[in-house]
PDB file of N, CA and C in Angstrom:
ATOM      1  N   MET A   1     -19.338   7.840   5.933  1.00  0.00           N
ATOM      2  CA  MET A   1     -19.505   6.869   6.638  1.00  0.00           C
ATOM      3  C   MET A   1     -20.945   7.515   7.863  1.00  0.00           C
ATOM      4  N   PRO A   2     -20.928   8.486   7.408  1.00  0.00           N
ATOM      5  CA  PRO A   2     -22.581   8.631   7.829  1.00  0.00           C
ATOM      6  C   PRO A   2     -23.666   8.218   7.643  1.00  0.00           C
ATOM      7  N   ILE A   3     -23.820   8.039   6.287  1.00  0.00           N
ATOM      8  CA  ILE A   3     -24.799   7.659   5.094  1.00  0.00           C
ATOM      9  C   ILE A   3     -24.354   5.834   5.764  1.00  0.00           C
ATOM     10  N   LEU A   4     -23.180   5.388   6.204  1.00  0.00           N
ATOM     11  CA  LEU A   4     -23.848   3.722   6.305  1.00  0.00           C
ATOM     12  C   LEU A   4     -24.088   3.774   8.048  1.00  0.00           C
ATOM     13  N   MET A   5     -24.094   4.729   8.921  1.00  0.00           N
ATOM     14  CA  MET A   5     -24.266   4.701  10.287  1.00  0.00           C
ATOM     15  C   MET A   5     -26.493   4.657   9.929  1.00  0.00           C
ATOM     16  N   VAL A   6     -26.544   5.827   9.075  1.00  0.00           N
ATOM     17  CA  VAL A   6     -27.727   6.189   9.223  1.00  0.00           C
ATOM     18  C   VAL A   6     -28.769   4.440   8.196  1.00  0.00           C
ATOM     19  N   SER A   7     -27.811   4.227   7.428  1.00  0.00           N
ATOM     20  CA  SER A   7     -28.858   2.724   6.892  1.00  0.00           C
ATOM     21  C   SER A   7     -28.603   1.334   7.797  1.00  0.00           C
ATOM     22  N   LEU A   8     -27.531   1.570   8.773  1.00  0.00           N
ATOM     23  CA  LEU A   8     -27.342   0.213   9.888  1.00  0.00           C
ATOM     24  C   LEU A   8     -28.870   0.827  10.937  1.00  0.00           C
ATOM     25  N   MET A   9     -28.576   1.750  11.096  1.00  0.00           N
ATOM     26  CA  MET A   9     -30.192   2.393  11.881  1.00  0.00           C
ATOM     27  C   MET A   9     -31.296   1.747  11.233  1.00  0.00           C
ATOM     28  N   ILE A  10     -31.535   2.337   9.629  1.00  0.00           N
ATOM     29  CA  ILE A  10     -33.083   2.097   9.489  1.00  0.00           C
ATOM     30  C   ILE A  10     -32.807   1.108   8.919  1.00  0.00           C
ATOM     31  N   SER A  11     -32.106  -0.547   8.587  1.00  0.00           N
ATOM     32  CA  SER A  11     -32.376  -1.839   8.375  1.00  0.00           C
ATOM     33  C   SER A  11     -32.514  -2.014   9.742  1.00  0.00           C
ATOM     34  N   LEU A  12     -32.304  -1.520  11.252  1.00  0.00           N
ATOM     35  CA  LEU A  12     -32.665  -2.409  12.143  1.00  0.00           C
ATOM     36  C   LEU A  12     -34.217  -1.921  12.646  1.00  0.00           C
ATOM     37  N   VAL A  13     -34.219  -0.647  11.973  1.00  0.00           N
ATOM     38  CA  VAL A  13     -36.044  -0.327  12.430  1.00  0.00           C
ATOM     39  C   VAL A  13     -36.369  -1.149  11.069  1.00  0.00           C
ATOM     40  N   ALA A  14     -36.237  -1.639   9.979  1.00  0.00           N
ATOM     41  CA  ALA A  14     -37.010  -1.359   8.498  1.00  0.00           C
ATOM     42  C   ALA A  14     -37.211  -3.206   8.685  1.00  0.00           C
ATOM     43  N   ALA A  15     -36.555  -3.774   9.994  1.00  0.00           N
ATOM     44  CA  ALA A  15     -36.586  -5.379   9.752  1.00  0.00           C
ATOM     45  C   ALA A  15     -38.064  -5.826  10.397  1.00  0.00           C
ATOM     46  N   SER A  16     -38.683  -4.780  11.176  1.00  0.00           N
ATOM     47  CA  SER A  16     -39.916  -4.543  12.086  1.00  0.00           C
ATOM     48  C   SER A  16     -41.150  -5.089  11.577  1.00  0.00           C
ATOM     49  N   PHE A  17     -41.025  -3.613  10.159  1.00  0.00           N
ATOM     50  CA  PHE A  17     -41.720  -2.978   9.173  1.00  0.00           C
ATOM     51  C   PHE A  17     -42.248  -4.537   8.150  1.00  0.00           C
ATOM     52  N   GLY A  18     -41.601  -5.227   7.629  1.00  0.00           N
ATOM     53  CA  GLY A  18     -41.081  -6.357   6.711  1.00  0.00           C
ATOM     54  C   GLY A  18     -40.192  -7.323   6.044  1.00  0.00           C
ATOM     55  N   GLU A  19     -39.703  -8.211   5.125  1.00  0.00           N
ATOM     56  CA  GLU A  19     -38.826  -8.914   5.186  1.00  0.00           C
ATOM     57  C   GLU A  19     -38.742  -7.478   3.778  1.00  0.00           C
ATOM     58  N   ALA A  20     -39.468  -7.303   2.556  1.00  0.00           N
ATOM     59  CA  ALA A  20     -38.835  -7.009   1.618  1.00  0.00           C
ATOM     60  C   ALA A  20     -37.923  -5.323   1.862  1.00  0.00           C
ATOM     61  N   LEU A  21     -38.879  -4.425   3.193  1.00  0.00           N
ATOM     62  CA  LEU A  21     -38.079  -3.366   3.668  1.00  0.00           C
ATOM     63  C   LEU A  21     -36.964  -3.534   3.864  1.00  0.00           C
ATOM     64  N   ALA A  22     -36.748  -4.519   4.869  1.00  0.00           N
ATOM     65  CA  ALA A  22     -35.253  -5.191   5.219  1.00  0.00           C
ATOM     66  C   ALA A  22     -34.426  -5.494   4.313  1.00  0.00           C
ATOM     67  N   ALA A  23     -34.236  -6.004   3.158  1.00  0.00           N
ATOM     68  CA  ALA A  23     -33.688  -6.381   2.453  1.00  0.00           C
ATOM     69  C   ALA A  23     -33.366  -5.534   1.656  1.00  0.00           C
ATOM     70  N   MET A  24     -34.424  -3.993   1.245  1.00  0.00           N
ATOM     71  CA  MET A  24     -34.096  -3.477   0.692  1.00  0.00           C
ATOM     72  C   MET A  24     -32.533  -2.770   1.537  1.00  0.00           C
ATOM     73  N   ALA A  25     -32.944  -2.690   2.984  1.00  0.00           N
ATOM     74  CA  ALA A  25     -32.102  -1.247   3.666  1.00  0.00           C
ATOM     75  C   ALA A  25     -30.822  -2.031   3.940  1.00  0.00           C
ATOM     76  N   THR A  26     -30.734  -3.581   4.415  1.00  0.00           N
ATOM     77  CA  THR A  26     -29.307  -4.818   4.193  1.00  0.00           C
ATOM     78  C   THR A  26     -28.993  -4.153   3.107  1.00  0.00           C
ATOM     79  N   TRP A  27     -29.465  -4.054   1.657  1.00  0.00           N
ATOM     80  CA  TRP A  27     -28.899  -3.697   0.286  1.00  0.00           C
ATOM     81  C   TRP A  27     -27.933  -2.513   0.290  1.00  0.00           C
ATOM     82  N   PHE A  28     -28.778  -1.423   0.319  1.00  0.00           N
ATOM     83  CA  PHE A  28     -28.379  -0.152   0.472  1.00  0.00           C
ATOM     84  C   PHE A  28     -26.544  -0.303   1.666  1.00  0.00           C
ATOM     85  N   THR A  29     -27.107  -0.877   2.676  1.00  0.00           N
ATOM     86  CA  THR A  29     -25.566  -1.144   3.783  1.00  0.00           C
ATOM     87  C   THR A  29     -24.757  -1.994   3.412  1.00  0.00           C
ATOM     88  N   TRP A  30     -24.944  -2.889   2.364  1.00  0.00           N
ATOM     89  CA  TRP A  30     -23.864  -3.518   1.596  1.00  0.00           C
ATOM     90  C   TRP A  30     -22.843  -2.673   0.822  1.00  0.00           C
ATOM     91  N   SER A  31     -23.786  -2.063  -0.209  1.00  0.00           N
ATOM     92  CA  SER A  31     -23.698  -1.306  -1.236  1.00  0.00           C
ATOM     93  C   SER A  31     -22.647   0.141  -0.644  1.00  0.00           C
ATOM     94  N   ALA A  32     -23.117   0.756   0.482  1.00  0.00           N
ATOM     95  CA  ALA A  32     -22.287   1.276   1.521  1.00  0.00           C
ATOM     96  C   ALA A  32     -21.057   1.194   1.643  1.00  0.00           C
ATOM     97  N   MET A  33     -20.808   0.156   1.933  1.00  0.00           N
ATOM     98  CA  MET A  33     -19.608  -0.369   2.440  1.00  0.00           C
ATOM     99  C   MET A  33     -18.659  -1.013   1.512  1.00  0.00           C
ATOM    100  N   ALA A  34     -19.565  -1.641   0.579  1.00  0.00           N
ATOM    101  CA  ALA A  34     -18.639  -1.751  -0.922  1.00  0.00           C
ATOM    102  C   ALA A  34     -18.156  -0.379  -1.469  1.00  0.00           C
ATOM    103  N   LEU A  35     -18.548   0.128  -1.456  1.00  0.00           N
ATOM    104  CA  LEU A  35     -18.464   1.861  -2.019  1.00  0.00           C
ATOM    105  C   LEU A  35     -17.423   2.356  -1.252  1.00  0.00           C
ATOM    106  N   ILE A  36     -17.271   2.250  -0.091  1.00  0.00           N
ATOM    107  CA  ILE A  36     -16.024   2.410   1.217  1.00  0.00           C
ATOM    108  C   ILE A  36     -15.007   2.055   0.774  1.00  0.00           C
ATOM    109  N   ILE A  37     -14.901   0.378   0.844  1.00  0.00           N
ATOM    110  CA  ILE A  37     -13.912  -0.653   0.417  1.00  0.00           C
ATOM    111  C   ILE A  37     -13.387   0.185  -0.992  1.00  0.00           C
ATOM    112  N   VAL A  38     -14.382   0.343  -2.347  1.00  0.00           N
ATOM    113  CA  VAL A  38     -12.867   0.834  -3.470  1.00  0.00           C
ATOM    114  C   VAL A  38     -12.834   1.810  -3.330  1.00  0.00           C
ATOM    115  N   ASP A  39     -13.415   3.208  -2.518  1.00  0.00           N
ATOM    116  CA  ASP A  39     -12.476   4.217  -1.644  1.00  0.00           C
ATOM    117  C   ASP A  39     -11.392   3.955  -1.177  1.00  0.00           C
ATOM    118  N   LEU A  40     -11.489   3.294  -0.533  1.00  0.00           N
ATOM    119  CA  LEU A  40      -9.953   3.417   0.142  1.00  0.00           C
ATOM    120  C   LEU A  40      -9.114   2.139  -0.661  1.00  0.00           C
ATOM    121  N   VAL A  41      -9.281   1.554  -1.659  1.00  0.00           N
ATOM    122  CA  VAL A  41      -8.446   0.956  -2.331  1.00  0.00           C
ATOM    123  C   VAL A  41      -8.113   2.695  -3.116  1.00  0.00           C
ATOM    124  N   VAL A  42      -8.719   3.188  -3.607  1.00  0.00           N
ATOM    125  CA  VAL A  42      -8.637   3.398  -4.700  1.00  0.00           C
ATOM    126  C   VAL A  42      -7.123   4.649  -3.940  1.00  0.00           C
ATOM    127  N   MET A  43      -8.120   4.897  -2.732  1.00  0.00           N
ATOM    128  CA  MET A  43      -6.848   6.224  -2.056  1.00  0.00           C
ATOM    129  C   MET A  43      -5.288   5.612  -1.736  1.00  0.00           C
ATOM    130  N   TRP A  44      -5.204   3.844  -1.320  1.00  0.00           N
ATOM    131  CA  TRP A  44      -4.418   3.709  -0.863  1.00  0.00           C
ATOM    132  C   TRP A  44      -3.498   3.466  -2.121  1.00  0.00           C
ATOM    133  N   ARG A  45      -3.654   2.869  -3.688  1.00  0.00           N
ATOM    134  CA  ARG A  45      -3.026   2.942  -4.289  1.00  0.00           C
ATOM    135  C   ARG A  45      -2.311   4.295  -4.681  1.00  0.00           C
ATOM    136  N   SER A  46      -2.653   5.728  -4.605  1.00  0.00           N
ATOM    137  CA  SER A  46      -3.052   6.541  -5.482  1.00  0.00           C
ATOM    138  C   SER A  46      -1.956   6.883  -3.676  1.00  0.00           C
ATOM    139  N   TYR A  47      -1.943   6.725  -2.875  1.00  0.00           N
ATOM    140  CA  TYR A  47      -0.947   7.233  -1.933  1.00  0.00           C
ATOM    141  C   TYR A  47       0.368   6.501  -1.786  1.00  0.00           C
ATOM    142  N   LYS A  48       0.194   5.676  -2.360  1.00  0.00           N
ATOM    143  CA  LYS A  48       1.443   5.188  -2.535  1.00  0.00           C
ATOM    144  C   LYS A  48       1.935   5.453  -3.522  1.00  0.00           C
ATOM    145  N   ARG A  49       1.609   5.561  -4.654  1.00  0.00           N
ATOM    146  CA  ARG A  49       2.402   6.647  -6.173  1.00  0.00           C
ATOM    147  C   ARG A  49       3.318   8.153  -5.030  1.00  0.00           C
ATOM    148  N   LEU A  50       2.248   8.315  -4.345  1.00  0.00           N
ATOM    149  CA  LEU A  50       2.830   9.617  -3.929  1.00  0.00           C
ATOM    150  C   LEU A  50       3.433   9.913  -2.741  1.00  0.00           C
ATOM    151  N   HIS A  51       3.509   8.555  -2.033  1.00  0.00           N
ATOM    152  CA  HIS A  51       4.510   8.171  -1.244  1.00  0.00           C
ATOM    153  C   HIS A  51       6.245   7.756  -1.963  1.00  0.00           C
ATOM    154  N   ALA A  52       5.609   6.891  -3.008  1.00  0.00           N
ATOM    155  CA  ALA A  52       6.891   6.546  -3.423  1.00  0.00           C
ATOM    156  C   ALA A  52       8.099   7.818  -4.464  1.00  0.00           C
ATOM    157  N   GLU A  53       6.661   8.597  -4.814  1.00  0.00           N
ATOM    158  CA  GLU A  53       7.447  10.396  -5.005  1.00  0.00           C
ATOM    159  C   GLU A  53       8.318  11.217  -3.640  1.00  0.00           C
ATOM    160  N   ARG A  54       7.315  10.636  -2.494  1.00  0.00           N
ATOM    161  CA  ARG A  54       8.156  11.618  -1.479  1.00  0.00           C
ATOM    162  C   ARG A  54       9.959  11.676  -0.806  1.00  0.00           C
ATOM    163  N   LEU A  55       9.380  10.011  -0.762  1.00  0.00           N
ATOM    164  CA  LEU A  55      10.003   9.525   0.546  1.00  0.00           C
ATOM    165  C   LEU A  55      10.190   8.006  -0.564  1.00  0.00           C
ATOM    166  N   PRO A  56      10.982   7.975  -1.158  1.00  0.00           N
ATOM    167  CA  PRO A  56      11.422   6.502  -1.645  1.00  0.00           C
ATOM    168  C   PRO A  56      11.697   5.556  -1.010  1.00  0.00           C
ATOM    169  N   LYS A  57      12.593   6.124   0.320  1.00  0.00           N
ATOM    170  CA  LYS A  57      13.496   5.524   0.768  1.00  0.00           C
ATOM    171  C   LYS A  57      12.474   5.127   2.249  1.00  0.00           C
ATOM    172  N   GLU A  58      11.793   5.477   2.514  1.00  0.00           N
ATOM    173  CA  GLU A  58      10.679   5.121   3.911  1.00  0.00           C
ATOM    174  C   GLU A  58      10.084   3.928   4.097  1.00  0.00           C
ATOM    175  N   PRO A  59       9.850   3.223   4.394  1.00  0.00           N
ATOM    176  CA  PRO A  59       8.688   2.208   4.552  1.00  0.00           C
ATOM    177  C   PRO A  59       7.177   2.482   4.542  1.00  0.00           C
ATOM    178  N   LEU A  60       6.843   1.491   4.431  1.00  0.00           N
ATOM    179  CA  LEU A  60       4.671   1.801   3.853  1.00  0.00           C
ATOM    180  C   LEU A  60       4.549   0.906   5.249  1.00  0.00           C
ATOM    181  N   LYS A  61       5.005   0.789   6.110  1.00  0.00           N
ATOM    182  CA  LYS A  61       4.782  -0.400   7.209  1.00  0.00           C
ATOM    183  C   LYS A  61       3.563   0.805   8.585  1.00  0.00           C
ATOM    184  N   GLY A  62       2.586   0.352   8.684  1.00  0.00           N
ATOM    185  CA  GLY A  62       1.957   0.841   9.502  1.00  0.00           C
ATOM    186  C   GLY A  62       1.000   1.998   8.711  1.00  0.00           C
ATOM    187  N   LEU A  63       1.174   2.392   7.987  1.00  0.00           N
ATOM    188  CA  LEU A  63       0.491   3.329   6.996  1.00  0.00           C
ATOM    189  C   LEU A  63      -0.958   3.189   6.724  1.00  0.00           C
ATOM    190  N   LEU A  64      -0.975   1.876   6.139  1.00  0.00           N
ATOM    191  CA  LEU A  64      -2.432   1.318   5.195  1.00  0.00           C
ATOM    192  C   LEU A  64      -3.566   1.582   6.421  1.00  0.00           C
ATOM    193  N   ALA A  65      -3.049   0.778   7.574  1.00  0.00           N
ATOM    194  CA  ALA A  65      -4.260   1.345   8.983  1.00  0.00           C
ATOM    195  C   ALA A  65      -4.387   2.790   9.777  1.00  0.00           C
ATOM    196  N   TYR A  66      -3.388   3.732   9.255  1.00  0.00           N
ATOM    197  CA  TYR A  66      -3.495   4.486   9.995  1.00  0.00           C
ATOM    198  C   TYR A  66      -4.763   5.779   8.610  1.00  0.00           C
ATOM    199  N   ALA A  67      -4.265   5.345   7.681  1.00  0.00           N
ATOM    200  CA  ALA A  67      -4.726   6.204   6.726  1.00  0.00           C
ATOM    201  C   ALA A  67      -6.118   5.129   6.774  1.00  0.00           C
ATOM    202  N   ILE A  68      -6.687   3.594   6.598  1.00  0.00           N
ATOM    203  CA  ILE A  68      -7.743   3.569   6.927  1.00  0.00           C
ATOM    204  C   ILE A  68      -8.962   4.389   8.095  1.00  0.00           C
ATOM    205  N   ASN A  69      -7.881   4.132   8.937  1.00  0.00           N
ATOM    206  CA  ASN A  69      -8.752   5.012  10.673  1.00  0.00           C
ATOM    207  C   ASN A  69      -8.926   6.338   9.994  1.00  0.00           C
ATOM    208  N   ARG A  70      -7.833   6.828   8.663  1.00  0.00           N
ATOM    209  CA  ARG A  70      -7.679   8.605   9.323  1.00  0.00           C
ATOM    210  C   ARG A  70      -9.258   8.617   8.182  1.00  0.00           C
ATOM    211  N   SER A  71      -9.073   8.158   6.879  1.00  0.00           N
ATOM    212  CA  SER A  71     -10.607   8.462   6.048  1.00  0.00           C
ATOM    213  C   SER A  71     -11.495   7.702   6.123  1.00  0.00           C
ATOM    214  N   VAL A  72     -12.254   6.708   6.960  1.00  0.00           N
ATOM    215  CA  VAL A  72     -13.422   6.090   8.523  1.00  0.00           C
ATOM    216  C   VAL A  72     -13.802   7.279   8.891  1.00  0.00           C
ATOM    217  N   ASN A  73     -13.163   8.159   9.731  1.00  0.00           N
ATOM    218  CA  ASN A  73     -13.387   8.959  10.622  1.00  0.00           C
ATOM    219  C   ASN A  73     -14.112  10.673  10.124  1.00  0.00           C
ATOM    220  N   LEU A  74     -15.132  10.691  11.045  1.00  0.00           N
ATOM    221  CA  LEU A  74     -15.545  12.309  10.214  1.00  0.00           C
ATOM    222  C   LEU A  74     -14.195  13.056  10.089  1.00  0.00           C
ATOM    223  N   ARG A  75     -14.524  14.345   9.228  1.00  0.00           N
ATOM    224  CA  ARG A  75     -13.258  14.602   9.311  1.00  0.00           C
ATOM    225  C   ARG A  75     -13.192  16.103  10.569  1.00  0.00           C
ATOM    226  N   ARG A  76     -14.307  16.273  11.355  1.00  0.00           N
ATOM    227  CA  ARG A  76     -14.559  17.414  12.173  1.00  0.00           C
ATOM    228  C   ARG A  76     -13.783  16.184  13.812  1.00  0.00           C
ATOM    229  N   LEU A  77     -14.287  15.285  13.528  1.00  0.00           N
ATOM    230  CA  LEU A  77     -13.489  14.470  15.102  1.00  0.00           C
ATOM    231  C   LEU A  77     -12.105  13.364  14.951  1.00  0.00           C
ATOM    232  N   ARG A  78     -11.069  14.124  13.432  1.00  0.00           N
ATOM    233  CA  ARG A  78      -9.806  13.423  13.815  1.00  0.00           C
ATOM    234  C   ARG A  78      -9.012  14.048  15.076  1.00  0.00           C
ATOM    235  N   MET A  79      -8.156  13.318  15.630  1.00  0.00           N
ATOM    236  CA  MET A  79      -7.511  13.560  16.181  1.00  0.00           C
ATOM    237  C   MET A  79      -5.623  13.090  15.695  1.00  0.00           C
ATOM    238  N   PRO A  80      -4.683  13.789  15.618  1.00  0.00           N
ATOM    239  CA  PRO A  80      -4.407  14.977  15.927  1.00  0.00           C
ATOM    240  C   PRO A  80      -5.450  15.724  14.428  1.00  0.00           C
ATOM    241  N   ALA A  81      -6.042  16.719  14.944  1.00  0.00           N
ATOM    242  CA  ALA A  81      -7.012  18.182  13.835  1.00  0.00           C
ATOM    243  C   ALA A  81      -5.963  17.987  12.837  1.00  0.00           C
ATOM    244  N   PRO A  82      -7.051  18.341  11.341  1.00  0.00           N
ATOM    245  CA  PRO A  82      -5.788  18.382   9.823  1.00  0.00           C
ATOM    246  C   PRO A  82      -5.681  19.710  10.197  1.00  0.00           C
ATOM    247  N   ARG A  83      -4.527  19.726   9.318  1.00  0.00           N
ATOM    248  CA  ARG A  83      -3.920  20.628   9.081  1.00  0.00           C
ATOM    249  C   ARG A  83      -4.125  21.241   7.441  1.00  0.00           C
ATOM    250  N   VAL A  84      -4.531  20.631   6.613  1.00  0.00           N
ATOM    251  CA  VAL A  84      -4.892  20.892   5.558  1.00  0.00           C
ATOM    252  C   VAL A  84      -6.329  21.285   5.171  1.00  0.00           C
ATOM    253  N   LYS A  85      -6.891  21.743   4.513  1.00  0.00           N
ATOM    254  CA  LYS A  85      -8.046  22.237   4.251  1.00  0.00           C
ATOM    255  C   LYS A  85      -8.032  21.646   2.916  1.00  0.00           C
ATOM    256  N   PRO A  86      -9.479  20.965   2.761  1.00  0.00           N
ATOM    257  CA  PRO A  86     -10.174  20.741   1.526  1.00  0.00           C
ATOM    258  C   PRO A  86      -9.966  20.756   0.774  1.00  0.00           C
ATOM    259  N   GLY A  87      -9.275  20.316  -1.087  1.00  0.00           N
ATOM    260  CA  GLY A  87      -8.774  20.859  -2.012  1.00  0.00           C
ATOM    261  C   GLY A  87      -7.753  21.762  -2.294  1.00  0.00           C
ATOM    262  N   ASP A  88      -6.698  22.147  -0.570  1.00  0.00           N
ATOM    263  CA  ASP A  88      -5.922  22.881  -1.120  1.00  0.00           C
ATOM    264  C   ASP A  88      -4.636  21.829  -1.578  1.00  0.00           C
ATOM    265  N   GLN A  89      -3.797  22.551  -2.065  1.00  0.00           N
ATOM    266  CA  GLN A  89      -2.449  21.831  -2.540  1.00  0.00           C
ATOM    267  C   GLN A  89      -1.625  21.340  -0.470  1.00  0.00           C
ATOM    268  N   ILE A  90      -1.309  20.160  -1.433  1.00  0.00           N
ATOM    269  CA  ILE A  90      -0.385  19.740  -0.011  1.00  0.00           C
ATOM    270  C   ILE A  90       1.241  20.070  -0.452  1.00  0.00           C
TER     271      ILE A  90
END
């Protein structure tokens, strides 16, 4: 997410310096968004498998939006704060 925000700022500034630079910055921004979407799809698919294994009778309703919200936010700024450290076993 920080890379996306920086690329958006660069694309705004680059628009005043020339079309070629603005096009490259825009391409980079769209690429970053595509990578975020791919990461979200992979995360959701693995989460569905884990959810089916641990909580087979619980519905998935509302969990996709919650997962997207948690994954797009910076870890330090998440509320409620994460309880598991990166790399720890769940």
